[in-house]
Amino acid sequence: MPVNKRNMPVDSPIDSDDDLPDLSTPYWEERIAKAPVRRGRPKATVTKVSTTIRLDAEVLARFRATGPGWQSRINKALRDAVIE
């Protein structure tokens, strides 16, 4: 079956007056079945543990002042302090 630039069959319902293709046709059922399912963010190989920690207000303010990613920078600073 010939396809157009959008990789759709030439006789696809999208070429008609109707704007949406009939997704119950074998062509679309096959494409939908082959489509990979991607939900959410990929799982990290090394996961982190959620916890509560009390920090001095000044320490927290300084890390937050450095902008987005401040939690990761706190994590790195703690890791550097305990892992040699």
PDB file of N, CA and C in Angstrom:
ATOM      1  N   MET A   1       0.838  -1.171   0.000  1.00  0.00           N
ATOM      2  CA  MET A   1       0.000   0.000   0.000  1.00  0.00           C
ATOM      3  C   MET A   1       0.885   1.237   0.000  1.00  0.00           C
ATOM      4  N   PRO A   2       0.699   2.189  -0.919  1.00  0.00           N
ATOM      5  CA  PRO A   2       1.536   3.388  -0.954  1.00  0.00           C
ATOM      6  C   PRO A   2       1.268   4.280   0.255  1.00  0.00           C
ATOM      7  N   VAL A   3       2.308   5.004   0.656  1.00  0.00           N
ATOM      8  CA  VAL A   3       2.167   5.912   1.794  1.00  0.00           C
ATOM      9  C   VAL A   3       2.572   7.317   1.366  1.00  0.00           C
ATOM     10  N   ASN A   4       2.040   8.311   2.087  1.00  0.00           N
ATOM     11  CA  ASN A   4       2.400   9.691   1.783  1.00  0.00           C
ATOM     12  C   ASN A   4       3.539  10.142   2.694  1.00  0.00           C
ATOM     13  N   LYS A   5       3.840  11.436   2.718  1.00  0.00           N
ATOM     14  CA  LYS A   5       4.962  11.956   3.499  1.00  0.00           C
ATOM     15  C   LYS A   5       4.830  11.683   4.993  1.00  0.00           C
ATOM     16  N   ARG A   6       3.613  11.621   5.495  1.00  0.00           N
ATOM     17  CA  ARG A   6       3.401  11.381   6.930  1.00  0.00           C
ATOM     18  C   ARG A   6       3.367   9.890   7.253  1.00  0.00           C
ATOM     19  N   ASN A   7       3.815   9.070   6.327  1.00  0.00           N
ATOM     20  CA  ASN A   7       3.864   7.620   6.508  1.00  0.00           C
ATOM     21  C   ASN A   7       2.480   7.036   6.778  1.00  0.00           C
ATOM     22  N   MET A   8       1.478   7.583   6.093  1.00  0.00           N
ATOM     23  CA  MET A   8       0.111   7.096   6.228  1.00  0.00           C
ATOM     24  C   MET A   8      -0.339   6.563   4.874  1.00  0.00           C
ATOM     25  N   PRO A   9      -1.212   5.580   4.863  1.00  0.00           N
ATOM     26  CA  PRO A   9      -1.703   5.066   3.581  1.00  0.00           C
ATOM     27  C   PRO A   9      -2.369   6.183   2.786  1.00  0.00           C
ATOM     28  N   VAL A  10      -2.188   6.161   1.470  1.00  0.00           N
ATOM     29  CA  VAL A  10      -2.755   7.191   0.608  1.00  0.00           C
ATOM     30  C   VAL A  10      -4.270   7.193   0.704  1.00  0.00           C
ATOM     31  N   ASP A  11      -4.872   6.023   0.829  1.00  0.00           N
ATOM     32  CA  ASP A  11      -6.334   5.949   0.903  1.00  0.00           C
ATOM     33  C   ASP A  11      -6.834   6.040   2.342  1.00  0.00           C
ATOM     34  N   SER A  12      -6.012   6.589   3.226  1.00  0.00           N
ATOM     35  CA  SER A  12      -6.369   6.758   4.629  1.00  0.00           C
ATOM     36  C   SER A  12      -7.547   7.721   4.760  1.00  0.00           C
ATOM     37  N   PRO A  13      -8.404   7.520   5.761  1.00  0.00           N
ATOM     38  CA  PRO A  13      -9.532   8.432   5.967  1.00  0.00           C
ATOM     39  C   PRO A  13      -9.102   9.870   6.236  1.00  0.00           C
ATOM     40  N   ILE A  14      -7.868  10.101   6.597  1.00  0.00           N
ATOM     41  CA  ILE A  14      -7.423  11.471   6.861  1.00  0.00           C
ATOM     42  C   ILE A  14      -7.403  12.292   5.585  1.00  0.00           C
ATOM     43  N   ASP A  15      -7.354  11.628   4.439  1.00  0.00           N
ATOM     44  CA  ASP A  15      -7.387  12.333   3.164  1.00  0.00           C
ATOM     45  C   ASP A  15      -8.804  12.728   2.791  1.00  0.00           C
ATOM     46  N   SER A  16      -9.785  12.230   3.524  1.00  0.00           N
ATOM     47  CA  SER A  16     -11.172  12.577   3.227  1.00  0.00           C
ATOM     48  C   SER A  16     -11.547  13.849   3.978  1.00  0.00           C
ATOM     49  N   ASP A  17     -12.830  14.178   3.964  1.00  0.00           N
ATOM     50  CA  ASP A  17     -13.313  15.378   4.650  1.00  0.00           C
ATOM     51  C   ASP A  17     -13.193  15.252   6.165  1.00  0.00           C
ATOM     52  N   ASP A  18     -13.212  14.043   6.683  1.00  0.00           N
ATOM     53  CA  ASP A  18     -13.095  13.825   8.116  1.00  0.00           C
ATOM     54  C   ASP A  18     -11.652  14.072   8.543  1.00  0.00           C
ATOM     55  N   ASP A  19     -11.444  14.809   9.619  1.00  0.00           N
ATOM     56  CA  ASP A  19     -10.095  15.141  10.070  1.00  0.00           C
ATOM     57  C   ASP A  19      -9.388  13.994  10.780  1.00  0.00           C
ATOM     58  N   LEU A  20     -10.127  13.075  11.346  1.00  0.00           N
ATOM     59  CA  LEU A  20      -9.511  12.006  12.134  1.00  0.00           C
ATOM     60  C   LEU A  20      -9.607  10.662  11.419  1.00  0.00           C
ATOM     61  N   PRO A  21      -8.523   9.871  11.475  1.00  0.00           N
ATOM     62  CA  PRO A  21      -8.575   8.548  10.848  1.00  0.00           C
ATOM     63  C   PRO A  21      -9.399   7.585  11.695  1.00  0.00           C
ATOM     64  N   ASP A  22      -9.904   6.548  11.070  1.00  0.00           N
ATOM     65  CA  ASP A  22     -10.628   5.497  11.787  1.00  0.00           C
ATOM     66  C   ASP A  22      -9.591   4.575  12.407  1.00  0.00           C
ATOM     67  N   LEU A  23      -9.396   4.668  13.715  1.00  0.00           N
ATOM     68  CA  LEU A  23      -8.357   3.900  14.393  1.00  0.00           C
ATOM     69  C   LEU A  23      -8.707   2.426  14.558  1.00  0.00           C
ATOM     70  N   SER A  24      -9.903   2.032  14.139  1.00  0.00           N
ATOM     71  CA  SER A  24     -10.277   0.623  14.245  1.00  0.00           C
ATOM     72  C   SER A  24      -9.910  -0.168  12.991  1.00  0.00           C
ATOM     73  N   THR A  25      -9.291   0.478  12.005  1.00  0.00           N
ATOM     74  CA  THR A  25      -8.885  -0.235  10.794  1.00  0.00           C
ATOM     75  C   THR A  25      -7.655  -1.082  11.108  1.00  0.00           C
ATOM     76  N   PRO A  26      -7.448  -2.161  10.365  1.00  0.00           N
ATOM     77  CA  PRO A  26      -6.290  -3.023  10.619  1.00  0.00           C
ATOM     78  C   PRO A  26      -4.956  -2.275  10.576  1.00  0.00           C
ATOM     79  N   TYR A  27      -4.842  -1.288   9.681  1.00  0.00           N
ATOM     80  CA  TYR A  27      -3.599  -0.521   9.588  1.00  0.00           C
ATOM     81  C   TYR A  27      -3.280   0.131  10.925  1.00  0.00           C
ATOM     82  N   TRP A  28      -4.243   0.845  11.481  1.00  0.00           N
ATOM     83  CA  TRP A  28      -4.005   1.557  12.738  1.00  0.00           C
ATOM     84  C   TRP A  28      -3.907   0.610  13.924  1.00  0.00           C
ATOM     85  N   GLU A  29      -4.691  -0.452  13.935  1.00  0.00           N
ATOM     86  CA  GLU A  29      -4.602  -1.429  15.026  1.00  0.00           C
ATOM     87  C   GLU A  29      -3.200  -2.016  15.099  1.00  0.00           C
ATOM     88  N   GLU A  30      -2.620  -2.302  13.933  1.00  0.00           N
ATOM     89  CA  GLU A  30      -1.264  -2.858  13.881  1.00  0.00           C
ATOM     90  C   GLU A  30      -0.239  -1.834  14.375  1.00  0.00           C
ATOM     91  N   ARG A  31      -0.366  -0.597  13.926  1.00  0.00           N
ATOM     92  CA  ARG A  31       0.581   0.452  14.355  1.00  0.00           C
ATOM     93  C   ARG A  31       0.485   0.716  15.857  1.00  0.00           C
ATOM     94  N   ILE A  32      -0.722   0.742  16.381  1.00  0.00           N
ATOM     95  CA  ILE A  32      -0.908   0.985  17.810  1.00  0.00           C
ATOM     96  C   ILE A  32      -0.337  -0.171  18.618  1.00  0.00           C
ATOM     97  N   ALA A  33      -0.539  -1.397  18.143  1.00  0.00           N
ATOM     98  CA  ALA A  33      -0.027  -2.569  18.858  1.00  0.00           C
ATOM     99  C   ALA A  33       1.501  -2.590  18.889  1.00  0.00           C
ATOM    100  N   LYS A  34       2.143  -2.076  17.831  1.00  0.00           N
ATOM    101  CA  LYS A  34       3.603  -2.083  17.750  1.00  0.00           C
ATOM    102  C   LYS A  34       4.244  -0.902  18.491  1.00  0.00           C
ATOM    103  N   ALA A  35       3.461   0.103  18.818  1.00  0.00           N
ATOM    104  CA  ALA A  35       4.011   1.306  19.447  1.00  0.00           C
ATOM    105  C   ALA A  35       4.524   0.980  20.846  1.00  0.00           C
ATOM    106  N   PRO A  36       5.736   1.437  21.168  1.00  0.00           N
ATOM    107  CA  PRO A  36       6.263   1.183  22.511  1.00  0.00           C
ATOM    108  C   PRO A  36       5.487   1.979  23.562  1.00  0.00           C
ATOM    109  N   VAL A  37       5.310   1.369  24.707  1.00  0.00           N
ATOM    110  CA  VAL A  37       4.616   2.031  25.804  1.00  0.00           C
ATOM    111  C   VAL A  37       5.655   2.761  26.642  1.00  0.00           C
ATOM    112  N   ARG A  38       5.507   4.058  26.753  1.00  0.00           N
ATOM    113  CA  ARG A  38       6.445   4.867  27.544  1.00  0.00           C
ATOM    114  C   ARG A  38       5.636   5.642  28.570  1.00  0.00           C
ATOM    115  N   ARG A  39       5.754   5.247  29.811  1.00  0.00           N
ATOM    116  CA  ARG A  39       5.020   5.933  30.867  1.00  0.00           C
ATOM    117  C   ARG A  39       5.996   6.445  31.907  1.00  0.00           C
ATOM    118  N   GLY A  40       5.942   7.718  32.165  1.00  0.00           N
ATOM    119  CA  GLY A  40       6.757   8.300  33.215  1.00  0.00           C
ATOM    120  C   GLY A  40       8.231   8.347  32.881  1.00  0.00           C
ATOM    121  N   ARG A  41       8.987   8.624  33.886  1.00  0.00           N
ATOM    122  CA  ARG A  41      10.425   8.757  33.759  1.00  0.00           C
ATOM    123  C   ARG A  41      11.075   7.380  33.864  1.00  0.00           C
ATOM    124  N   PRO A  42      12.156   7.148  33.131  1.00  0.00           N
ATOM    125  CA  PRO A  42      12.841   5.855  33.244  1.00  0.00           C
ATOM    126  C   PRO A  42      13.335   5.620  34.666  1.00  0.00           C
ATOM    127  N   LYS A  43      13.316   4.385  35.098  1.00  0.00           N
ATOM    128  CA  LYS A  43      13.785   4.038  36.434  1.00  0.00           C
ATOM    129  C   LYS A  43      15.288   4.237  36.525  1.00  0.00           C
ATOM    130  N   ALA A  44      15.710   4.832  37.622  1.00  0.00           N
ATOM    131  CA  ALA A  44      17.129   5.056  37.849  1.00  0.00           C
ATOM    132  C   ALA A  44      17.783   3.749  38.299  1.00  0.00           C
ATOM    133  N   THR A  45      19.039   3.563  37.926  1.00  0.00           N
ATOM    134  CA  THR A  45      19.740   2.349  38.351  1.00  0.00           C
ATOM    135  C   THR A  45      20.075   2.423  39.840  1.00  0.00           C
ATOM    136  N   VAL A  46      20.366   3.626  40.314  1.00  0.00           N
ATOM    137  CA  VAL A  46      20.629   3.831  41.735  1.00  0.00           C
ATOM    138  C   VAL A  46      19.529   4.739  42.261  1.00  0.00           C
ATOM    139  N   THR A  47      18.702   4.201  43.142  1.00  0.00           N
ATOM    140  CA  THR A  47      17.603   4.998  43.658  1.00  0.00           C
ATOM    141  C   THR A  47      17.999   5.703  44.946  1.00  0.00           C
ATOM    142  N   LYS A  48      17.258   6.726  45.284  1.00  0.00           N
ATOM    143  CA  LYS A  48      17.505   7.477  46.505  1.00  0.00           C
ATOM    144  C   LYS A  48      16.413   7.162  47.512  1.00  0.00           C
ATOM    145  N   VAL A  49      16.672   7.481  48.754  1.00  0.00           N
ATOM    146  CA  VAL A  49      15.729   7.236  49.835  1.00  0.00           C
ATOM    147  C   VAL A  49      15.186   8.577  50.310  1.00  0.00           C
ATOM    148  N   SER A  50      13.876   8.673  50.412  1.00  0.00           N
ATOM    149  CA  SER A  50      13.262   9.894  50.919  1.00  0.00           C
ATOM    150  C   SER A  50      13.400   9.918  52.439  1.00  0.00           C
ATOM    151  N   THR A  51      13.808  11.074  52.963  1.00  0.00           N
ATOM    152  CA  THR A  51      13.995  11.199  54.401  1.00  0.00           C
ATOM    153  C   THR A  51      13.726  12.637  54.820  1.00  0.00           C
ATOM    154  N   THR A  52      13.682  12.866  56.101  1.00  0.00           N
ATOM    155  CA  THR A  52      13.526  14.211  56.642  1.00  0.00           C
ATOM    156  C   THR A  52      14.790  14.544  57.404  1.00  0.00           C
ATOM    157  N   ILE A  53      15.320  15.740  57.181  1.00  0.00           N
ATOM    158  CA  ILE A  53      16.539  16.161  57.853  1.00  0.00           C
ATOM    159  C   ILE A  53      16.368  17.620  58.259  1.00  0.00           C
ATOM    160  N   ARG A  54      16.857  17.949  59.421  1.00  0.00           N
ATOM    161  CA  ARG A  54      16.786  19.335  59.898  1.00  0.00           C
ATOM    162  C   ARG A  54      18.145  19.984  59.673  1.00  0.00           C
ATOM    163  N   LEU A  55      18.134  21.098  58.940  1.00  0.00           N
ATOM    164  CA  LEU A  55      19.363  21.828  58.625  1.00  0.00           C
ATOM    165  C   LEU A  55      19.253  23.243  59.173  1.00  0.00           C
ATOM    166  N   ASP A  56      20.398  23.856  59.419  1.00  0.00           N
ATOM    167  CA  ASP A  56      20.403  25.251  59.814  1.00  0.00           C
ATOM    168  C   ASP A  56      19.782  26.083  58.697  1.00  0.00           C
ATOM    169  N   ALA A  57      19.028  27.107  59.083  1.00  0.00           N
ATOM    170  CA  ALA A  57      18.371  27.962  58.090  1.00  0.00           C
ATOM    171  C   ALA A  57      19.385  28.609  57.161  1.00  0.00           C
ATOM    172  N   GLU A  58      20.528  28.998  57.692  1.00  0.00           N
ATOM    173  CA  GLU A  58      21.560  29.643  56.879  1.00  0.00           C
ATOM    174  C   GLU A  58      22.119  28.680  55.826  1.00  0.00           C
ATOM    175  N   VAL A  59      22.345  27.436  56.229  1.00  0.00           N
ATOM    176  CA  VAL A  59      22.861  26.433  55.289  1.00  0.00           C
ATOM    177  C   VAL A  59      21.853  26.225  54.169  1.00  0.00           C
ATOM    178  N   LEU A  60      20.600  26.041  54.530  1.00  0.00           N
ATOM    179  CA  LEU A  60      19.557  25.811  53.538  1.00  0.00           C
ATOM    180  C   LEU A  60      19.410  27.020  52.613  1.00  0.00           C
ATOM    181  N   ALA A  61      19.447  28.216  53.178  1.00  0.00           N
ATOM    182  CA  ALA A  61      19.312  29.434  52.377  1.00  0.00           C
ATOM    183  C   ALA A  61      20.448  29.552  51.360  1.00  0.00           C
ATOM    184  N   ARG A  62      21.653  29.205  51.775  1.00  0.00           N
ATOM    185  CA  ARG A  62      22.800  29.310  50.850  1.00  0.00           C
ATOM    186  C   ARG A  62      22.664  28.326  49.685  1.00  0.00           C
ATOM    187  N   PHE A  63      22.239  27.097  49.986  1.00  0.00           N
ATOM    188  CA  PHE A  63      22.067  26.117  48.903  1.00  0.00           C
ATOM    189  C   PHE A  63      20.925  26.536  47.979  1.00  0.00           C
ATOM    190  N   ARG A  64      19.809  27.004  48.544  1.00  0.00           N
ATOM    191  CA  ARG A  64      18.674  27.428  47.715  1.00  0.00           C
ATOM    192  C   ARG A  64      19.044  28.631  46.850  1.00  0.00           C
ATOM    193  N   ALA A  65      19.899  29.497  47.349  1.00  0.00           N
ATOM    194  CA  ALA A  65      20.303  30.694  46.601  1.00  0.00           C
ATOM    195  C   ALA A  65      21.087  30.342  45.339  1.00  0.00           C
ATOM    196  N   THR A  66      21.626  29.133  45.275  1.00  0.00           N
ATOM    197  CA  THR A  66      22.397  28.728  44.099  1.00  0.00           C
ATOM    198  C   THR A  66      21.492  28.294  42.942  1.00  0.00           C
ATOM    199  N   GLY A  67      20.169  28.285  43.165  1.00  0.00           N
ATOM    200  CA  GLY A  67      19.217  27.989  42.092  1.00  0.00           C
ATOM    201  C   GLY A  67      18.778  26.545  42.043  1.00  0.00           C
ATOM    202  N   PRO A  68      18.086  26.182  40.949  1.00  0.00           N
ATOM    203  CA  PRO A  68      17.579  24.823  40.794  1.00  0.00           C
ATOM    204  C   PRO A  68      18.697  23.786  40.913  1.00  0.00           C
ATOM    205  N   GLY A  69      18.367  22.666  41.509  1.00  0.00           N
ATOM    206  CA  GLY A  69      19.343  21.605  41.711  1.00  0.00           C
ATOM    207  C   GLY A  69      20.007  21.675  43.069  1.00  0.00           C
ATOM    208  N   TRP A  70      19.509  22.554  43.946  1.00  0.00           N
ATOM    209  CA  TRP A  70      20.133  22.723  45.255  1.00  0.00           C
ATOM    210  C   TRP A  70      20.075  21.445  46.082  1.00  0.00           C
ATOM    211  N   GLN A  71      19.031  20.655  45.944  1.00  0.00           N
ATOM    212  CA  GLN A  71      18.941  19.399  46.709  1.00  0.00           C
ATOM    213  C   GLN A  71      20.022  18.424  46.258  1.00  0.00           C
ATOM    214  N   SER A  72      20.265  18.361  44.961  1.00  0.00           N
ATOM    215  CA  SER A  72      21.330  17.490  44.448  1.00  0.00           C
ATOM    216  C   SER A  72      22.694  17.966  44.930  1.00  0.00           C
ATOM    217  N   ARG A  73      22.877  19.283  45.020  1.00  0.00           N
ATOM    218  CA  ARG A  73      24.149  19.809  45.517  1.00  0.00           C
ATOM    219  C   ARG A  73      24.335  19.505  47.001  1.00  0.00           C
ATOM    220  N   ILE A  74      23.255  19.549  47.786  1.00  0.00           N
ATOM    221  CA  ILE A  74      23.356  19.148  49.195  1.00  0.00           C
ATOM    222  C   ILE A  74      23.747  17.673  49.268  1.00  0.00           C
ATOM    223  N   ASN A  75      23.109  16.848  48.447  1.00  0.00           N
ATOM    224  CA  ASN A  75      23.422  15.420  48.431  1.00  0.00           C
ATOM    225  C   ASN A  75      24.894  15.194  48.097  1.00  0.00           C
ATOM    226  N   LYS A  76      25.397  15.925  47.096  1.00  0.00           N
ATOM    227  CA  LYS A  76      26.807  15.775  46.706  1.00  0.00           C
ATOM    228  C   LYS A  76      27.732  16.224  47.835  1.00  0.00           C
ATOM    229  N   ALA A  77      27.408  17.332  48.488  1.00  0.00           N
ATOM    230  CA  ALA A  77      28.240  17.824  49.587  1.00  0.00           C
ATOM    231  C   ALA A  77      28.280  16.808  50.727  1.00  0.00           C
ATOM    232  N   LEU A  78      27.148  16.225  51.046  1.00  0.00           N
ATOM    233  CA  LEU A  78      27.122  15.198  52.112  1.00  0.00           C
ATOM    234  C   LEU A  78      27.884  13.947  51.682  1.00  0.00           C
ATOM    235  N   ARG A  79      27.718  13.534  50.438  1.00  0.00           N
ATOM    236  CA  ARG A  79      28.425  12.355  49.935  1.00  0.00           C
ATOM    237  C   ARG A  79      29.938  12.592  49.990  1.00  0.00           C
ATOM    238  N   ASP A  80      30.383  13.781  49.547  1.00  0.00           N
ATOM    239  CA  ASP A  80      31.807  14.097  49.567  1.00  0.00           C
ATOM    240  C   ASP A  80      32.351  14.112  50.997  1.00  0.00           C
ATOM    241  N   ALA A  81      31.517  14.503  51.959  1.00  0.00           N
ATOM    242  CA  ALA A  81      31.963  14.586  53.351  1.00  0.00           C
ATOM    243  C   ALA A  81      32.107  13.214  53.995  1.00  0.00           C
ATOM    244  N   VAL A  82      31.342  12.234  53.570  1.00  0.00           N
ATOM    245  CA  VAL A  82      31.385  10.923  54.232  1.00  0.00           C
ATOM    246  C   VAL A  82      32.106   9.839  53.411  1.00  0.00           C
ATOM    247  N   ILE A  83      32.192  10.029  52.106  1.00  0.00           N
ATOM    248  CA  ILE A  83      32.840   9.030  51.247  1.00  0.00           C
ATOM    249  C   ILE A  83      34.143   9.614  50.747  1.00  0.00           C
ATOM    250  N   GLU A  84      35.212   8.957  51.063  1.00  0.00           N
ATOM    251  CA  GLU A  84      36.529   9.460  50.657  1.00  0.00           C
ATOM    252  C   GLU A  84      37.007   8.784  49.410  1.00  0.00           C
TER     253      GLU A  84
END
